[in-house]
């Protein structure tokens, strides 16, 4: 079977750009699940919440979606801190975080979905900008702005989070809270406050990820469920809590989905994430850049 070079080039380019977006979507879970061991199954619902709030800011004030997402990040950070406080007081402190805590986040996910269904209905929503719908032509390659801008924003956000975690005292404290809690206490830091900040940071990334989601395509309140399998697969494949690993794994998944959709069929693309997750758990449970046990 002959392979069309143009089709292959565009499939690879689309996969890389899609992978960048997936990195933004999975980044928050890489912090909350990978670093804090909090199974925040509601993370995609926060992303969708970010999409709808960006939609409101874009429609009401004409703000660029990326700018609107950045403006919403401090708000989402505060929401994340409050959510973790409730989670800690009700579940983690009492040692019931495994099953009851998971049910808490399931309930939170459904509450967020219902709120946006009541507010906006089940119709799909889009944002409007001058560059959505346009693309850059480079020879046989066509790069849509609606994919390129989210890719660039996702890489910048991922790089910023990595630098924060690796170069600042607070960031290193977040990394330490999952590795050596006693040493962190000896340094004079309160592990609970550090985890509050880390969880808030994870939710803050959902604001910008939501902006990127509604730029790429239309959203409706339950669309976040489509990303649950993908983001957990990315976090596990990249290595629990590894920010560079999250980016690499996201691009691998994006490439795999794009090539499968192009050469086998779009209906097979969603199965790629679960296949990668199963293979990773079977052959390399620590992930690409995870700590070996």
Protein backbone atom coordinates (compact mmCIF):
# COMPACT_ATOMS: atom_id res chain seq x y z
CA UNK A 1 0.00 0.00 0.00
CA UNK A 2 1.45 3.36 -1.06
CA UNK A 3 1.55 6.17 1.48
CA UNK A 4 0.68 9.69 0.41
CA UNK A 5 3.51 11.93 1.71
CA UNK A 6 1.16 14.89 2.10
CA UNK A 7 -1.33 12.86 4.10
CA UNK A 8 1.42 11.45 6.33
CA UNK A 9 3.01 14.88 6.94
CA UNK A 10 -0.30 16.43 7.89
CA UNK A 11 -1.22 13.49 10.14
CA UNK A 12 2.11 13.78 11.99
CA UNK A 13 1.80 17.56 12.32
CA UNK A 14 -1.78 17.25 13.56
CA UNK A 15 -0.69 14.59 16.06
CA UNK A 16 2.09 16.76 17.49
CA UNK A 17 -0.22 19.76 17.83
CA UNK A 18 -2.92 17.60 19.39
CA UNK A 19 -0.35 16.17 21.78
CA UNK A 20 0.54 19.65 22.98
CA UNK A 21 -3.10 20.26 23.80
CA UNK A 22 -3.30 16.91 25.61
CA UNK A 23 -0.32 18.00 27.71
CA UNK A 24 -2.26 21.05 28.91
CA UNK A 25 -5.28 18.88 29.72
CA UNK A 26 -3.20 16.32 31.66
CA UNK A 27 -0.84 18.78 33.39
CA UNK A 28 -3.10 19.46 36.37
CA UNK A 29 -3.73 15.77 36.95
CA UNK A 30 0.01 15.13 36.77
CA UNK A 31 0.30 17.40 39.81
CA UNK A 32 -2.76 16.30 41.81
CA UNK A 33 -2.60 12.59 41.01
CA UNK A 34 1.06 12.15 40.18
CA UNK A 35 2.47 14.25 43.03
CA UNK A 36 -0.27 14.25 45.68
CA UNK A 37 -1.87 10.82 45.06
CA UNK A 38 -5.29 12.51 44.91
CA UNK A 39 -7.42 10.76 42.28
CA UNK A 40 -9.18 13.86 41.04
CA UNK A 41 -11.55 12.26 38.55
CA UNK A 42 -13.33 15.63 38.30
CA UNK A 43 -10.35 17.33 36.64
CA UNK A 44 -11.89 17.19 33.13
CA UNK A 45 -15.06 18.79 34.52
CA UNK A 46 -12.98 21.74 35.77
CA UNK A 47 -11.51 22.00 32.27
CA UNK A 48 -15.01 22.18 30.78
CA UNK A 49 -15.91 24.79 33.42
CA UNK A 50 -12.94 26.80 32.17
CA UNK A 51 -14.24 26.45 28.61
CA UNK A 52 -17.67 27.83 29.51
CA UNK A 53 -16.28 30.72 31.53
CA UNK A 54 -13.94 31.58 28.65
CA UNK A 55 -16.96 31.39 26.34
CA UNK A 56 -18.75 33.91 28.58
CA UNK A 57 -15.77 36.29 28.66
CA UNK A 58 -15.24 35.96 24.92
CA UNK A 59 -18.89 36.59 24.13
CA UNK A 60 -19.43 39.31 26.71
CA UNK A 61 -16.18 41.27 26.45
CA UNK A 62 -14.56 40.03 23.25
CA UNK A 63 -11.50 38.72 25.09
CA UNK A 64 -9.12 36.39 23.30
CA UNK A 65 -9.68 32.85 24.65
CA UNK A 66 -6.06 32.43 25.77
CA UNK A 67 -6.11 35.76 27.60
CA UNK A 68 -9.45 34.87 29.19
CA UNK A 69 -8.01 31.54 30.36
CA UNK A 70 -5.00 33.27 31.93
CA UNK A 71 -7.30 35.74 33.72
CA UNK A 72 -9.33 32.84 35.14
CA UNK A 73 -6.30 30.94 36.47
CA UNK A 74 -6.11 32.76 39.86
CA UNK A 75 -9.84 32.17 40.36
CA UNK A 76 -9.44 28.46 39.65
CA UNK A 77 -6.43 28.36 41.98
CA UNK A 78 -8.58 29.63 44.86
CA UNK A 79 -11.32 27.14 43.97
CA UNK A 80 -8.74 24.34 43.98
CA UNK A 81 -7.47 25.33 47.41
CA UNK A 82 -11.02 25.32 48.79
CA UNK A 83 -11.82 21.95 47.21
CA UNK A 84 -8.71 20.40 48.72
CA UNK A 85 -9.56 21.81 52.15
CA UNK A 86 -12.96 20.09 52.00
CA UNK A 87 -11.39 16.89 50.69
CA UNK A 88 -8.73 16.87 53.39
CA UNK A 89 -11.12 17.61 56.25
CA UNK A 90 -13.74 15.09 55.16
CA UNK A 91 -11.64 12.25 53.75
CA UNK A 92 -7.83 12.46 53.81
CA UNK A 93 -7.51 13.38 57.48
CA UNK A 94 -9.79 10.51 58.47
CA UNK A 95 -8.04 7.99 56.19
CA UNK A 96 -11.09 7.52 53.93
CA UNK A 97 -9.60 9.05 50.80
CA UNK A 98 -9.37 5.84 48.75
CA UNK A 99 -13.04 5.02 48.06
CA UNK A 100 -15.02 7.82 49.71
CA UNK A 101 -12.64 10.42 48.31
CA UNK A 102 -13.08 9.03 44.81
CA UNK A 103 -16.86 9.20 45.26
CA UNK A 104 -16.44 12.83 46.35
CA UNK A 105 -14.75 13.75 43.08
CA UNK A 106 -17.31 11.78 41.07
CA UNK A 107 -20.04 13.76 42.79
CA UNK A 108 -18.20 17.01 42.18
CA UNK A 109 -17.90 16.15 38.49
CA UNK A 110 -21.64 15.55 38.18
CA UNK A 111 -22.47 18.75 40.07
CA UNK A 112 -20.30 20.82 37.72
CA UNK A 113 -21.89 19.18 34.69
CA UNK A 114 -25.44 19.76 35.94
CA UNK A 115 -24.72 23.40 36.76
CA UNK A 116 -23.57 24.11 33.22
CA UNK A 117 -26.44 22.12 31.73
CA UNK A 118 -28.86 24.30 33.71
CA UNK A 119 -27.01 27.47 32.69
CA UNK A 120 -26.29 26.74 29.02
CA UNK A 121 -28.27 23.66 28.07
CA UNK A 122 -26.78 20.78 26.11
CA UNK A 123 -26.04 22.73 22.93
CA UNK A 124 -22.44 22.97 21.75
CA UNK A 125 -20.68 26.30 22.31
CA UNK A 126 -17.86 27.95 20.38
CA UNK A 127 -15.64 31.00 20.77
CA UNK A 128 -14.90 33.55 18.08
CA UNK A 129 -11.48 34.97 17.18
CA UNK A 130 -9.94 36.35 14.01
CA UNK A 131 -7.54 33.44 13.57
CA UNK A 132 -9.84 30.46 14.20
CA UNK A 133 -10.64 28.97 10.80
CA UNK A 134 -7.38 30.10 9.20
CA UNK A 135 -4.22 28.07 8.66
CA UNK A 136 -0.58 28.39 7.66
CA UNK A 137 0.40 26.72 4.39
CA UNK A 138 3.98 25.38 4.24
CA UNK A 139 4.36 23.40 1.05
CA UNK A 140 2.19 20.30 1.41
CA UNK A 141 1.64 21.03 5.10
CA UNK A 142 -1.36 22.88 6.44
CA UNK A 143 -1.22 24.03 10.09
CA UNK A 144 -4.51 25.38 11.49
CA UNK A 145 -4.20 28.33 13.87
CA UNK A 146 -6.85 26.75 16.10
CA UNK A 147 -4.35 23.94 16.77
CA UNK A 148 -1.09 25.90 16.64
CA UNK A 149 -2.09 28.52 19.24
CA UNK A 150 -3.22 25.89 21.81
CA UNK A 151 -0.01 23.93 21.18
CA UNK A 152 2.17 26.98 21.86
CA UNK A 153 0.14 28.00 24.93
CA UNK A 154 0.29 24.44 26.29
CA UNK A 155 4.08 24.19 25.84
CA UNK A 156 4.59 27.55 27.57
CA UNK A 157 2.33 26.57 30.48
CA UNK A 158 4.00 23.16 30.84
CA UNK A 159 7.45 24.77 30.78
CA UNK A 160 6.36 27.38 33.32
CA UNK A 161 5.04 24.74 35.72
CA UNK A 162 8.22 22.69 35.31
CA UNK A 163 10.43 25.69 36.09
CA UNK A 164 8.27 26.60 39.09
CA UNK A 165 8.45 23.09 40.53
CA UNK A 166 12.17 22.63 39.90
CA UNK A 167 13.60 26.09 40.59
CA UNK A 168 11.59 27.58 43.48
CA UNK A 169 11.50 26.63 47.16
CA UNK A 170 7.72 26.22 47.06
CA UNK A 171 7.95 24.08 43.93
CA UNK A 172 10.59 21.82 45.48
CA UNK A 173 8.41 21.57 48.58
CA UNK A 174 5.55 20.33 46.39
CA UNK A 175 7.85 17.70 44.89
CA UNK A 176 9.05 16.72 48.37
CA UNK A 177 5.59 16.32 49.88
CA UNK A 178 5.06 13.10 47.91
CA UNK A 179 8.58 11.77 48.51
CA UNK A 180 9.64 12.63 52.06
CA UNK A 181 6.96 14.27 54.17
CA UNK A 182 9.03 14.07 57.37
CA UNK A 183 11.96 15.90 55.78
CA UNK A 184 9.54 18.58 54.61
CA UNK A 185 8.28 19.05 58.17
CA UNK A 186 11.87 19.30 59.43
CA UNK A 187 12.38 22.14 56.94
CA UNK A 188 9.60 24.02 58.72
CA UNK A 189 6.98 23.61 55.99
CA UNK A 190 3.40 22.48 56.65
CA UNK A 191 2.67 19.54 54.30
CA UNK A 192 -1.07 20.26 54.31
CA UNK A 193 -0.59 23.87 53.20
CA UNK A 194 1.87 22.74 50.56
CA UNK A 195 -0.67 20.22 49.24
CA UNK A 196 -3.36 22.92 49.20
CA UNK A 197 -1.14 25.10 47.02
CA UNK A 198 -0.24 22.16 44.77
CA UNK A 199 -3.88 21.17 44.31
CA UNK A 200 -4.77 24.80 43.60
CA UNK A 201 -2.01 24.91 40.99
CA UNK A 202 -3.36 21.77 39.36
CA UNK A 203 -6.87 23.23 39.12
CA UNK A 204 -5.50 26.58 37.90
CA UNK A 205 -4.06 24.84 34.83
CA UNK A 206 -7.60 23.65 34.02
CA UNK A 207 -8.66 27.24 33.32
CA UNK A 208 -6.18 27.64 30.47
CA UNK A 209 -6.71 24.06 29.30
CA UNK A 210 -10.43 24.84 29.08
CA UNK A 211 -9.68 27.88 26.93
CA UNK A 212 -7.62 25.70 24.59
CA UNK A 213 -10.36 23.05 24.48
CA UNK A 214 -13.05 25.47 23.27
CA UNK A 215 -10.63 26.93 20.71
CA UNK A 216 -10.00 23.52 19.15
CA UNK A 217 -13.67 22.58 18.91
CA UNK A 218 -17.16 23.10 20.32
CA UNK A 219 -17.92 21.98 23.87
CA UNK A 220 -20.95 20.78 25.80
CA UNK A 221 -21.18 20.14 29.57
CA UNK A 222 -20.33 16.42 29.54
CA UNK A 223 -17.53 16.48 26.96
CA UNK A 224 -14.92 16.22 29.72
CA UNK A 225 -15.75 12.54 30.17
CA UNK A 226 -14.12 11.85 26.80
CA UNK A 227 -10.77 12.93 28.25
CA UNK A 228 -10.73 10.91 31.50
CA UNK A 229 -9.06 7.87 29.95
CA UNK A 230 -6.68 9.98 27.90
CA UNK A 231 -5.33 12.09 30.74
CA UNK A 232 -4.82 9.15 33.10
CA UNK A 233 -3.02 7.29 30.31
CA UNK A 234 -0.76 10.32 29.75
CA UNK A 235 0.07 10.71 33.44
CA UNK A 236 0.89 7.01 33.84
CA UNK A 237 2.85 6.79 30.58
CA UNK A 238 4.87 9.93 31.32
CA UNK A 239 5.70 8.81 34.84
CA UNK A 240 3.70 9.76 37.90
CA UNK A 241 4.30 13.43 38.60
CA UNK A 242 6.89 13.95 35.84
CA UNK A 243 6.11 17.21 34.01
CA UNK A 244 8.51 16.58 31.08
CA UNK A 245 7.18 13.02 30.94
CA UNK A 246 3.64 14.36 30.71
CA UNK A 247 4.54 16.46 27.66
CA UNK A 248 6.36 13.59 25.95
CA UNK A 249 3.55 11.11 26.69
CA UNK A 250 0.92 13.58 25.48
CA UNK A 251 2.71 14.01 22.14
CA UNK A 252 3.08 10.23 21.80
CA UNK A 253 -0.65 9.81 22.40
CA UNK A 254 -1.53 12.65 20.03
CA UNK A 255 0.64 11.15 17.27
CA UNK A 256 -0.79 7.68 17.82
CA UNK A 257 -4.39 8.94 17.73
CA UNK A 258 -3.79 11.05 14.62
CA UNK A 259 -2.13 8.21 12.69
CA UNK A 260 -4.79 5.71 13.73
CA UNK A 261 -7.58 8.11 12.79
CA UNK A 262 -5.95 8.82 9.41
CA UNK A 263 -5.05 5.29 8.33
CA UNK A 264 -7.50 3.05 10.21
CA UNK A 265 -10.48 5.23 11.07
CA UNK A 266 -11.55 7.98 13.52
CA UNK A 267 -13.72 5.56 15.49
CA UNK A 268 -10.58 3.66 16.56
CA UNK A 269 -8.73 6.72 17.88
CA UNK A 270 -10.30 6.73 21.39
CA UNK A 271 -9.10 3.17 21.99
CA UNK A 272 -5.47 4.23 21.61
CA UNK A 273 -5.31 5.82 25.08
CA UNK A 274 -6.58 2.69 26.83
CA UNK A 275 -4.25 0.48 24.80
CA UNK A 276 -1.26 2.65 25.76
CA UNK A 277 -2.37 2.65 29.40
CA UNK A 278 -2.61 -1.16 29.51
CA UNK A 279 0.75 -1.64 27.79
CA UNK A 280 2.44 0.84 30.12
CA UNK A 281 1.05 -0.83 33.23
CA UNK A 282 2.15 -4.22 31.91
CA UNK A 283 5.68 -3.44 30.73
CA UNK A 284 6.77 -0.17 32.37
CA UNK A 285 4.61 0.72 35.37
CA UNK A 286 6.93 3.58 36.35
CA UNK A 287 6.33 5.30 33.00
CA UNK A 288 8.81 6.92 30.65
CA UNK A 289 10.39 9.32 33.15
CA UNK A 290 8.95 8.02 36.40
CA UNK A 291 10.90 7.02 39.46
CA UNK A 292 11.79 3.37 39.56
CA UNK A 293 10.49 1.49 42.59
